[in-house]
């Protein structure tokens, strides 16, 4: 995917698919896109993307620190996303990305 402004529509059809960190030295970790949600609409200047969030689940106990990661996806190619770990449960570690 070409570098550029990511929008909700880039992700909405990829729920349940895997994104893998591909930065040099990164351990192999599958992040499953669990949720893509638009924030309630509000008036915004022309050309502004509608705000949205993504929720990923990484199986296992490894927690990635808050940072921007290059993630590879089979259909989207590579995208850079700022991930924040937000919780841990029996499924693994949850990460959120917010775009506004």
PDB file of N, CA and C in Angstrom:
ATOM      1  N   UNK A   1       0.854  -1.178   0.000  1.00  0.00           N
ATOM      2  CA  UNK A   1       0.000   0.000   0.000  1.00  0.00           C
ATOM      3  C   UNK A   1       0.896   1.235   0.000  1.00  0.00           C
ATOM      4  N   UNK A   2       0.564   2.162  -0.812  1.00  0.00           N
ATOM      5  CA  UNK A   2       1.340   3.392  -0.873  1.00  0.00           C
ATOM      6  C   UNK A   2       1.183   4.170   0.425  1.00  0.00           C
ATOM      7  N   UNK A   3       2.264   4.857   0.785  1.00  0.00           N
ATOM      8  CA  UNK A   3       2.198   5.699   1.980  1.00  0.00           C
ATOM      9  C   UNK A   3       1.159   6.779   1.745  1.00  0.00           C
ATOM     10  N   UNK A   4       0.448   7.116   2.769  1.00  0.00           N
ATOM     11  CA  UNK A   4      -0.560   8.150   2.649  1.00  0.00           C
ATOM     12  C   UNK A   4      -1.464   8.111   3.856  1.00  0.00           C
ATOM     13  N   UNK A   5      -2.508   8.863   3.784  1.00  0.00           N
ATOM     14  CA  UNK A   5      -3.459   8.970   4.871  1.00  0.00           C
ATOM     15  C   UNK A   5      -4.317   7.712   4.930  1.00  0.00           C
ATOM     16  N   UNK A   6      -4.241   6.993   6.044  1.00  0.00           N
ATOM     17  CA  UNK A   6      -5.067   5.805   6.236  1.00  0.00           C
ATOM     18  C   UNK A   6      -6.457   6.228   6.672  1.00  0.00           C
ATOM     19  N   UNK A   7      -7.471   5.539   6.151  1.00  0.00           N
ATOM     20  CA  UNK A   7      -8.854   5.841   6.480  1.00  0.00           C
ATOM     21  C   UNK A   7      -9.562   4.559   6.901  1.00  0.00           C
ATOM     22  N   UNK A   8     -10.714   4.723   7.544  1.00  0.00           N
ATOM     23  CA  UNK A   8     -11.505   3.605   8.034  1.00  0.00           C
ATOM     24  C   UNK A   8     -11.747   2.560   6.946  1.00  0.00           C
ATOM     25  N   UNK A   9     -12.051   3.019   5.750  1.00  0.00           N
ATOM     26  CA  UNK A   9     -12.360   2.109   4.642  1.00  0.00           C
ATOM     27  C   UNK A   9     -11.191   1.199   4.283  1.00  0.00           C
ATOM     28  N   UNK A  10      -9.967   1.607   4.609  1.00  0.00           N
ATOM     29  CA  UNK A  10      -8.805   0.757   4.354  1.00  0.00           C
ATOM     30  C   UNK A  10      -8.848  -0.519   5.199  1.00  0.00           C
ATOM     31  N   UNK A  11      -9.508  -0.464   6.362  1.00  0.00           N
ATOM     32  CA  UNK A  11      -9.466  -1.558   7.330  1.00  0.00           C
ATOM     33  C   UNK A  11     -10.774  -2.323   7.505  1.00  0.00           C
ATOM     34  N   UNK A  12     -11.903  -1.704   7.205  1.00  0.00           N
ATOM     35  CA  UNK A  12     -13.211  -2.276   7.566  1.00  0.00           C
ATOM     36  C   UNK A  12     -13.449  -3.671   7.014  1.00  0.00           C
ATOM     37  N   UNK A  13     -12.867  -4.013   5.882  1.00  0.00           N
ATOM     38  CA  UNK A  13     -13.075  -5.332   5.290  1.00  0.00           C
ATOM     39  C   UNK A  13     -11.995  -6.334   5.688  1.00  0.00           C
ATOM     40  N   UNK A  14     -11.128  -5.955   6.608  1.00  0.00           N
ATOM     41  CA  UNK A  14     -10.027  -6.831   7.009  1.00  0.00           C
ATOM     42  C   UNK A  14     -10.155  -7.346   8.445  1.00  0.00           C
ATOM     43  N   UNK A  15     -11.364  -7.270   9.015  1.00  0.00           N
ATOM     44  CA  UNK A  15     -11.569  -7.802  10.362  1.00  0.00           C
ATOM     45  C   UNK A  15     -11.253  -9.288  10.378  1.00  0.00           C
ATOM     46  N   UNK A  16     -10.588  -9.728  11.442  1.00  0.00           N
ATOM     47  CA  UNK A  16     -10.232 -11.134  11.581  1.00  0.00           C
ATOM     48  C   UNK A  16      -8.969 -11.528  10.845  1.00  0.00           C
ATOM     49  N   UNK A  17      -8.333 -10.584  10.165  1.00  0.00           N
ATOM     50  CA  UNK A  17      -7.106 -10.908   9.436  1.00  0.00           C
ATOM     51  C   UNK A  17      -5.878 -10.493  10.243  1.00  0.00           C
ATOM     52  N   UNK A  18      -4.725 -10.965   9.794  1.00  0.00           N
ATOM     53  CA  UNK A  18      -3.472 -10.826  10.542  1.00  0.00           C
ATOM     54  C   UNK A  18      -2.605  -9.688   9.996  1.00  0.00           C
ATOM     55  N   UNK A  19      -2.089  -8.903  10.918  1.00  0.00           N
ATOM     56  CA  UNK A  19      -1.072  -7.886  10.647  1.00  0.00           C
ATOM     57  C   UNK A  19       0.168  -8.303  11.436  1.00  0.00           C
ATOM     58  N   UNK A  20       1.331  -8.268  10.805  1.00  0.00           N
ATOM     59  CA  UNK A  20       2.561  -8.737  11.443  1.00  0.00           C
ATOM     60  C   UNK A  20       3.590  -7.613  11.489  1.00  0.00           C
ATOM     61  N   UNK A  21       4.121  -7.288  12.673  1.00  0.00           N
ATOM     62  CA  UNK A  21       5.190  -6.288  12.731  1.00  0.00           C
ATOM     63  C   UNK A  21       6.368  -6.736  11.869  1.00  0.00           C
ATOM     64  N   UNK A  22       6.891  -5.810  11.065  1.00  0.00           N
ATOM     65  CA  UNK A  22       7.982  -6.180  10.155  1.00  0.00           C
ATOM     66  C   UNK A  22       9.185  -5.259  10.285  1.00  0.00           C
ATOM     67  N   UNK A  23       9.260  -4.506  11.379  1.00  0.00           N
ATOM     68  CA  UNK A  23      10.443  -3.684  11.606  1.00  0.00           C
ATOM     69  C   UNK A  23      11.636  -4.595  11.871  1.00  0.00           C
ATOM     70  N   UNK A  24      12.844  -4.186  11.482  1.00  0.00           N
ATOM     71  CA  UNK A  24      14.029  -5.012  11.731  1.00  0.00           C
ATOM     72  C   UNK A  24      14.161  -5.360  13.220  1.00  0.00           C
ATOM     73  N   UNK A  25      14.481  -6.616  13.484  1.00  0.00           N
ATOM     74  CA  UNK A  25      14.685  -7.071  14.857  1.00  0.00           C
ATOM     75  C   UNK A  25      13.416  -7.390  15.620  1.00  0.00           C
ATOM     76  N   UNK A  26      12.258  -7.237  14.989  1.00  0.00           N
ATOM     77  CA  UNK A  26      10.997  -7.520  15.682  1.00  0.00           C
ATOM     78  C   UNK A  26      10.761  -9.029  15.729  1.00  0.00           C
ATOM     79  N   UNK A  27      10.304  -9.511  16.881  1.00  0.00           N
ATOM     80  CA  UNK A  27       9.947 -10.933  16.952  1.00  0.00           C
ATOM     81  C   UNK A  27       8.678 -11.177  16.128  1.00  0.00           C
ATOM     82  N   UNK A  28       8.497 -12.413  15.715  1.00  0.00           N
ATOM     83  CA  UNK A  28       7.304 -12.772  14.967  1.00  0.00           C
ATOM     84  C   UNK A  28       6.098 -12.719  15.902  1.00  0.00           C
ATOM     85  N   UNK A  29       5.120 -11.907  15.558  1.00  0.00           N
ATOM     86  CA  UNK A  29       3.923 -11.758  16.374  1.00  0.00           C
ATOM     87  C   UNK A  29       2.752 -11.468  15.444  1.00  0.00           C
ATOM     88  N   UNK A  30       1.713 -12.278  15.547  1.00  0.00           N
ATOM     89  CA  UNK A  30       0.516 -12.075  14.743  1.00  0.00           C
ATOM     90  C   UNK A  30      -0.458 -11.202  15.511  1.00  0.00           C
ATOM     91  N   UNK A  31      -0.842 -10.090  14.911  1.00  0.00           N
ATOM     92  CA  UNK A  31      -1.834  -9.191  15.493  1.00  0.00           C
ATOM     93  C   UNK A  31      -3.106  -9.307  14.660  1.00  0.00           C
ATOM     94  N   UNK A  32      -4.158  -9.794  15.276  1.00  0.00           N
ATOM     95  CA  UNK A  32      -5.436  -9.966  14.577  1.00  0.00           C
ATOM     96  C   UNK A  32      -6.273  -8.703  14.728  1.00  0.00           C
ATOM     97  N   UNK A  33      -6.737  -8.164  13.609  1.00  0.00           N
ATOM     98  CA  UNK A  33      -7.613  -6.993  13.648  1.00  0.00           C
ATOM     99  C   UNK A  33      -8.986  -7.440  14.122  1.00  0.00           C
ATOM    100  N   UNK A  34      -9.327  -7.042  15.332  1.00  0.00           N
ATOM    101  CA  UNK A  34     -10.588  -7.477  15.938  1.00  0.00           C
ATOM    102  C   UNK A  34     -11.723  -6.479  15.727  1.00  0.00           C
ATOM    103  N   UNK A  35     -11.388  -5.214  15.647  1.00  0.00           N
ATOM    104  CA  UNK A  35     -12.439  -4.194  15.539  1.00  0.00           C
ATOM    105  C   UNK A  35     -11.921  -2.992  14.762  1.00  0.00           C
ATOM    106  N   UNK A  36     -12.789  -2.430  13.934  1.00  0.00           N
ATOM    107  CA  UNK A  36     -12.547  -1.153  13.272  1.00  0.00           C
ATOM    108  C   UNK A  36     -13.817  -0.349  13.478  1.00  0.00           C
ATOM    109  N   UNK A  37     -13.698   0.800  14.139  1.00  0.00           N
ATOM    110  CA  UNK A  37     -14.899   1.555  14.513  1.00  0.00           C
ATOM    111  C   UNK A  37     -14.726   3.034  14.198  1.00  0.00           C
ATOM    112  N   UNK A  38     -15.748   3.595  13.558  1.00  0.00           N
ATOM    113  CA  UNK A  38     -15.795   5.034  13.339  1.00  0.00           C
ATOM    114  C   UNK A  38     -16.249   5.715  14.622  1.00  0.00           C
ATOM    115  N   UNK A  39     -15.685   6.873  14.921  1.00  0.00           N
ATOM    116  CA  UNK A  39     -16.171   7.675  16.033  1.00  0.00           C
ATOM    117  C   UNK A  39     -17.437   8.397  15.576  1.00  0.00           C
ATOM    118  N   UNK A  40     -18.283   8.807  16.514  1.00  0.00           N
ATOM    119  CA  UNK A  40     -19.487   9.541  16.113  1.00  0.00           C
ATOM    120  C   UNK A  40     -19.119  10.724  15.227  1.00  0.00           C
ATOM    121  N   UNK A  41     -19.932  10.941  14.206  1.00  0.00           N
ATOM    122  CA  UNK A  41     -19.613  12.007  13.259  1.00  0.00           C
ATOM    123  C   UNK A  41     -19.748  13.368  13.925  1.00  0.00           C
ATOM    124  N   UNK A  42     -18.959  14.271  13.459  1.00  0.00           N
ATOM    125  CA  UNK A  42     -19.001  15.651  13.922  1.00  0.00           C
ATOM    126  C   UNK A  42     -18.548  16.515  12.757  1.00  0.00           C
ATOM    127  N   UNK A  43     -18.855  17.757  12.833  1.00  0.00           N
ATOM    128  CA  UNK A  43     -18.436  18.662  11.765  1.00  0.00           C
ATOM    129  C   UNK A  43     -16.924  18.761  11.762  1.00  0.00           C
ATOM    130  N   UNK A  44     -16.325  18.626  10.590  1.00  0.00           N
ATOM    131  CA  UNK A  44     -14.880  18.778  10.480  1.00  0.00           C
ATOM    132  C   UNK A  44     -14.572  19.485   9.168  1.00  0.00           C
ATOM    133  N   UNK A  45     -13.443  20.136   9.107  1.00  0.00           N
ATOM    134  CA  UNK A  45     -13.088  20.851   7.882  1.00  0.00           C
ATOM    135  C   UNK A  45     -13.021  19.896   6.686  1.00  0.00           C
ATOM    136  N   UNK A  46     -13.314  20.426   5.518  1.00  0.00           N
ATOM    137  CA  UNK A  46     -13.220  19.628   4.294  1.00  0.00           C
ATOM    138  C   UNK A  46     -11.824  19.027   4.190  1.00  0.00           C
ATOM    139  N   UNK A  47     -11.766  17.801   3.720  1.00  0.00           N
ATOM    140  CA  UNK A  47     -10.479  17.140   3.541  1.00  0.00           C
ATOM    141  C   UNK A  47      -9.993  16.388   4.760  1.00  0.00           C
ATOM    142  N   UNK A  48     -10.669  16.534   5.892  1.00  0.00           N
ATOM    143  CA  UNK A  48     -10.267  15.812   7.107  1.00  0.00           C
ATOM    144  C   UNK A  48     -10.904  14.426   7.078  1.00  0.00           C
ATOM    145  N   UNK A  49     -10.137  13.428   7.454  1.00  0.00           N
ATOM    146  CA  UNK A  49     -10.724  12.087   7.491  1.00  0.00           C
ATOM    147  C   UNK A  49     -11.608  11.947   8.726  1.00  0.00           C
ATOM    148  N   UNK A  50     -12.666  11.174   8.634  1.00  0.00           N
ATOM    149  CA  UNK A  50     -13.470  10.891   9.823  1.00  0.00           C
ATOM    150  C   UNK A  50     -12.619  10.093  10.820  1.00  0.00           C
ATOM    151  N   UNK A  51     -12.663  10.425  12.105  1.00  0.00           N
ATOM    152  CA  UNK A  51     -11.847   9.718  13.089  1.00  0.00           C
ATOM    153  C   UNK A  51     -12.350   8.284  13.292  1.00  0.00           C
ATOM    154  N   UNK A  52     -11.384   7.376  13.550  1.00  0.00           N
ATOM    155  CA  UNK A  52     -11.729   5.978  13.772  1.00  0.00           C
ATOM    156  C   UNK A  52     -10.669   5.326  14.656  1.00  0.00           C
ATOM    157  N   UNK A  53     -10.998   4.133  15.131  1.00  0.00           N
ATOM    158  CA  UNK A  53     -10.033   3.388  15.932  1.00  0.00           C
ATOM    159  C   UNK A  53      -9.979   1.946  15.452  1.00  0.00           C
ATOM    160  N   UNK A  54      -8.858   1.309  15.739  1.00  0.00           N
ATOM    161  CA  UNK A  54      -8.640  -0.099  15.436  1.00  0.00           C
ATOM    162  C   UNK A  54      -8.274  -0.806  16.724  1.00  0.00           C
ATOM    163  N   UNK A  55      -8.722  -2.046  16.868  1.00  0.00           N
ATOM    164  CA  UNK A  55      -8.362  -2.875  18.011  1.00  0.00           C
ATOM    165  C   UNK A  55      -7.749  -4.164  17.484  1.00  0.00           C
ATOM    166  N   UNK A  56      -6.526  -4.440  17.930  1.00  0.00           N
ATOM    167  CA  UNK A  56      -5.802  -5.651  17.550  1.00  0.00           C
ATOM    168  C   UNK A  56      -5.628  -6.528  18.785  1.00  0.00           C
ATOM    169  N   UNK A  57      -5.554  -7.850  18.569  1.00  0.00           N
ATOM    170  CA  UNK A  57      -5.241  -8.804  19.630  1.00  0.00           C
ATOM    171  C   UNK A  57      -3.991  -9.563  19.218  1.00  0.00           C
ATOM    172  N   UNK A  58      -3.003  -9.577  20.114  1.00  0.00           N
ATOM    173  CA  UNK A  58      -1.789 -10.359  19.909  1.00  0.00           C
ATOM    174  C   UNK A  58      -1.799 -11.533  20.868  1.00  0.00           C
ATOM    175  N   UNK A  59      -1.830 -12.752  20.346  1.00  0.00           N
ATOM    176  CA  UNK A  59      -1.855 -13.939  21.202  1.00  0.00           C
ATOM    177  C   UNK A  59      -0.557 -14.057  21.984  1.00  0.00           C
ATOM    178  N   UNK A  60      -0.648 -14.624  23.189  1.00  0.00           N
ATOM    179  CA  UNK A  60       0.538 -14.834  24.004  1.00  0.00           C
ATOM    180  C   UNK A  60       0.733 -13.745  25.037  1.00  0.00           C
ATOM    181  N   UNK A  61       1.875 -13.818  25.705  1.00  0.00           N
ATOM    182  CA  UNK A  61       2.171 -12.904  26.811  1.00  0.00           C
ATOM    183  C   UNK A  61       3.043 -11.713  26.430  1.00  0.00           C
ATOM    184  N   UNK A  62       3.671 -11.745  25.255  1.00  0.00           N
ATOM    185  CA  UNK A  62       4.572 -10.666  24.879  1.00  0.00           C
ATOM    186  C   UNK A  62       3.784  -9.372  24.675  1.00  0.00           C
ATOM    187  N   UNK A  63       4.278  -8.283  25.279  1.00  0.00           N
ATOM    188  CA  UNK A  63       3.632  -6.972  25.152  1.00  0.00           C
ATOM    189  C   UNK A  63       4.572  -6.044  24.387  1.00  0.00           C
ATOM    190  N   UNK A  64       4.092  -5.547  23.264  1.00  0.00           N
ATOM    191  CA  UNK A  64       4.856  -4.543  22.522  1.00  0.00           C
ATOM    192  C   UNK A  64       4.686  -3.200  23.217  1.00  0.00           C
ATOM    193  N   UNK A  65       5.763  -2.447  23.394  1.00  0.00           N
ATOM    194  CA  UNK A  65       5.599  -1.121  23.997  1.00  0.00           C
ATOM    195  C   UNK A  65       4.891  -0.162  23.036  1.00  0.00           C
ATOM    196  N   UNK A  66       4.301   0.869  23.590  1.00  0.00           N
ATOM    197  CA  UNK A  66       3.654   1.915  22.800  1.00  0.00           C
ATOM    198  C   UNK A  66       4.665   2.488  21.816  1.00  0.00           C
ATOM    199  N   UNK A  67       4.352   2.419  20.529  1.00  0.00           N
ATOM    200  CA  UNK A  67       5.271   2.906  19.496  1.00  0.00           C
ATOM    201  C   UNK A  67       4.598   2.807  18.138  1.00  0.00           C
ATOM    202  N   UNK A  68       5.251   3.395  17.138  1.00  0.00           N
ATOM    203  CA  UNK A  68       4.815   3.234  15.757  1.00  0.00           C
ATOM    204  C   UNK A  68       5.508   2.004  15.186  1.00  0.00           C
ATOM    205  N   UNK A  69       4.717   1.119  14.591  1.00  0.00           N
ATOM    206  CA  UNK A  69       5.234  -0.118  14.005  1.00  0.00           C
ATOM    207  C   UNK A  69       4.845  -0.189  12.542  1.00  0.00           C
ATOM    208  N   UNK A  70       5.743  -0.751  11.751  1.00  0.00           N
ATOM    209  CA  UNK A  70       5.401  -1.104  10.374  1.00  0.00           C
ATOM    210  C   UNK A  70       4.760  -2.473  10.454  1.00  0.00           C
ATOM    211  N   UNK A  71       3.526  -2.562   9.971  1.00  0.00           N
ATOM    212  CA  UNK A  71       2.788  -3.818   9.996  1.00  0.00           C
ATOM    213  C   UNK A  71       2.554  -4.283   8.565  1.00  0.00           C
ATOM    214  N   UNK A  72       2.793  -5.578   8.345  1.00  0.00           N
ATOM    215  CA  UNK A  72       2.572  -6.163   7.022  1.00  0.00           C
ATOM    216  C   UNK A  72       1.252  -6.928   7.026  1.00  0.00           C
ATOM    217  N   UNK A  73       0.497  -6.719   5.956  1.00  0.00           N
ATOM    218  CA  UNK A  73      -0.783  -7.403   5.772  1.00  0.00           C
ATOM    219  C   UNK A  73      -0.781  -7.995   4.366  1.00  0.00           C
ATOM    220  N   UNK A  74      -1.323  -9.203   4.218  1.00  0.00           N
ATOM    221  CA  UNK A  74      -1.298  -9.883   2.924  1.00  0.00           C
ATOM    222  C   UNK A  74      -1.934  -9.074   1.800  1.00  0.00           C
ATOM    223  N   UNK A  75      -2.995  -8.348   2.072  1.00  0.00           N
ATOM    224  CA  UNK A  75      -3.672  -7.581   1.021  1.00  0.00           C
ATOM    225  C   UNK A  75      -3.280  -6.111   0.988  1.00  0.00           C
ATOM    226  N   UNK A  76      -2.999  -5.533   2.148  1.00  0.00           N
ATOM    227  CA  UNK A  76      -2.715  -4.103   2.226  1.00  0.00           C
ATOM    228  C   UNK A  76      -1.245  -3.772   2.037  1.00  0.00           C
ATOM    229  N   UNK A  77      -0.374  -4.748   2.163  1.00  0.00           N
ATOM    230  CA  UNK A  77       1.060  -4.471   2.124  1.00  0.00           C
ATOM    231  C   UNK A  77       1.518  -3.980   3.484  1.00  0.00           C
ATOM    232  N   UNK A  78       2.423  -3.002   3.499  1.00  0.00           N
ATOM    233  CA  UNK A  78       2.939  -2.467   4.766  1.00  0.00           C
ATOM    234  C   UNK A  78       2.287  -1.129   5.087  1.00  0.00           C
ATOM    235  N   UNK A  79       1.927  -0.983   6.371  1.00  0.00           N
ATOM    236  CA  UNK A  79       1.370   0.268   6.874  1.00  0.00           C
ATOM    237  C   UNK A  79       2.062   0.600   8.191  1.00  0.00           C
ATOM    238  N   UNK A  80       2.229   1.875   8.464  1.00  0.00           N
ATOM    239  CA  UNK A  80       2.813   2.320   9.734  1.00  0.00           C
ATOM    240  C   UNK A  80       1.674   2.748  10.650  1.00  0.00           C
ATOM    241  N   UNK A  81       1.620   2.129  11.847  1.00  0.00           N
ATOM    242  CA  UNK A  81       0.525   2.393  12.777  1.00  0.00           C
ATOM    243  C   UNK A  81       1.082   2.558  14.186  1.00  0.00           C
ATOM    244  N   UNK A  82       0.616   3.603  14.883  1.00  0.00           N
ATOM    245  CA  UNK A  82       0.986   3.828  16.276  1.00  0.00           C
ATOM    246  C   UNK A  82       0.073   2.968  17.143  1.00  0.00           C
ATOM    247  N   UNK A  83       0.666   1.984  17.837  1.00  0.00           N
ATOM    248  CA  UNK A  83      -0.090   1.051  18.685  1.00  0.00           C
ATOM    249  C   UNK A  83       0.140   1.347  20.157  1.00  0.00           C
ATOM    250  N   UNK A  84      -0.926   1.227  20.931  1.00  0.00           N
ATOM    251  CA  UNK A  84      -0.872   1.401  22.379  1.00  0.00           C
ATOM    252  C   UNK A  84      -1.434   0.132  23.023  1.00  0.00           C
ATOM    253  N   UNK A  85      -0.644  -0.549  23.878  1.00  0.00           N
ATOM    254  CA  UNK A  85      -1.205  -1.705  24.584  1.00  0.00           C
ATOM    255  C   UNK A  85      -2.257  -1.207  25.579  1.00  0.00           C
ATOM    256  N   UNK A  86      -3.443  -1.844  25.563  1.00  0.00           N
ATOM    257  CA  UNK A  86      -4.523  -1.349  26.435  1.00  0.00           C
ATOM    258  C   UNK A  86      -5.063  -2.405  27.384  1.00  0.00           C
ATOM    259  N   UNK A  87      -4.611  -3.629  27.280  1.00  0.00           N
ATOM    260  CA  UNK A  87      -5.122  -4.649  28.186  1.00  0.00           C
ATOM    261  C   UNK A  87      -4.592  -6.027  27.855  1.00  0.00           C
ATOM    262  N   UNK A  88      -4.852  -6.945  28.766  1.00  0.00           N
ATOM    263  CA  UNK A  88      -4.408  -8.319  28.604  1.00  0.00           C
ATOM    264  C   UNK A  88      -5.454  -9.219  29.237  1.00  0.00           C
ATOM    265  N   UNK A  89      -5.842 -10.269  28.505  1.00  0.00           N
ATOM    266  CA  UNK A  89      -6.785 -11.243  29.045  1.00  0.00           C
ATOM    267  C   UNK A  89      -6.406 -12.625  28.530  1.00  0.00           C
ATOM    268  N   UNK A  90      -7.324 -13.578  28.639  1.00  0.00           N
ATOM    269  CA  UNK A  90      -7.029 -14.947  28.250  1.00  0.00           C
ATOM    270  C   UNK A  90      -6.736 -15.088  26.755  1.00  0.00           C
ATOM    271  N   UNK A  91      -7.199 -14.139  25.939  1.00  0.00           N
ATOM    272  CA  UNK A  91      -6.949 -14.202  24.494  1.00  0.00           C
ATOM    273  C   UNK A  91      -5.580 -13.666  24.114  1.00  0.00           C
ATOM    274  N   UNK A  92      -5.026 -12.785  24.948  1.00  0.00           N
ATOM    275  CA  UNK A  92      -3.737 -12.179  24.650  1.00  0.00           C
ATOM    276  C   UNK A  92      -3.716 -10.717  25.026  1.00  0.00           C
ATOM    277  N   UNK A  93      -2.886  -9.957  24.337  1.00  0.00           N
ATOM    278  CA  UNK A  93      -2.710  -8.532  24.608  1.00  0.00           C
ATOM    279  C   UNK A  93      -3.487  -7.719  23.575  1.00  0.00           C
ATOM    280  N   UNK A  94      -4.258  -6.744  24.050  1.00  0.00           N
ATOM    281  CA  UNK A  94      -5.028  -5.858  23.163  1.00  0.00           C
ATOM    282  C   UNK A  94      -4.228  -4.593  22.907  1.00  0.00           C
ATOM    283  N   UNK A  95      -4.298  -4.131  21.657  1.00  0.00           N
ATOM    284  CA  UNK A  95      -3.633  -2.899  21.236  1.00  0.00           C
ATOM    285  C   UNK A  95      -4.666  -2.030  20.517  1.00  0.00           C
ATOM    286  N   UNK A  96      -4.585  -0.723  20.746  1.00  0.00           N
ATOM    287  CA  UNK A  96      -5.482   0.199  20.064  1.00  0.00           C
ATOM    288  C   UNK A  96      -4.682   1.196  19.244  1.00  0.00           C
ATOM    289  N   UNK A  97      -5.234   1.533  18.100  1.00  0.00           N
ATOM    290  CA  UNK A  97      -4.712   2.612  17.267  1.00  0.00           C
ATOM    291  C   UNK A  97      -5.859   3.582  17.035  1.00  0.00           C
ATOM    292  N   UNK A  98      -5.618   4.872  17.252  1.00  0.00           N
ATOM    293  CA  UNK A  98      -6.650   5.900  17.073  1.00  0.00           C
ATOM    294  C   UNK A  98      -6.180   6.851  15.989  1.00  0.00           C
ATOM    295  N   UNK A  99      -7.070   7.101  15.042  1.00  0.00           N
ATOM    296  CA  UNK A  99      -6.780   8.003  13.922  1.00  0.00           C
ATOM    297  C   UNK A  99      -7.780   9.157  13.997  1.00  0.00           C
ATOM    298  N   UNK A 100      -7.258  10.382  14.127  1.00  0.00           N
ATOM    299  CA  UNK A 100      -8.161  11.529  14.155  1.00  0.00           C
ATOM    300  C   UNK A 100      -7.572  12.691  13.416  1.00  0.00           C
TER     301      UNK A 100
END
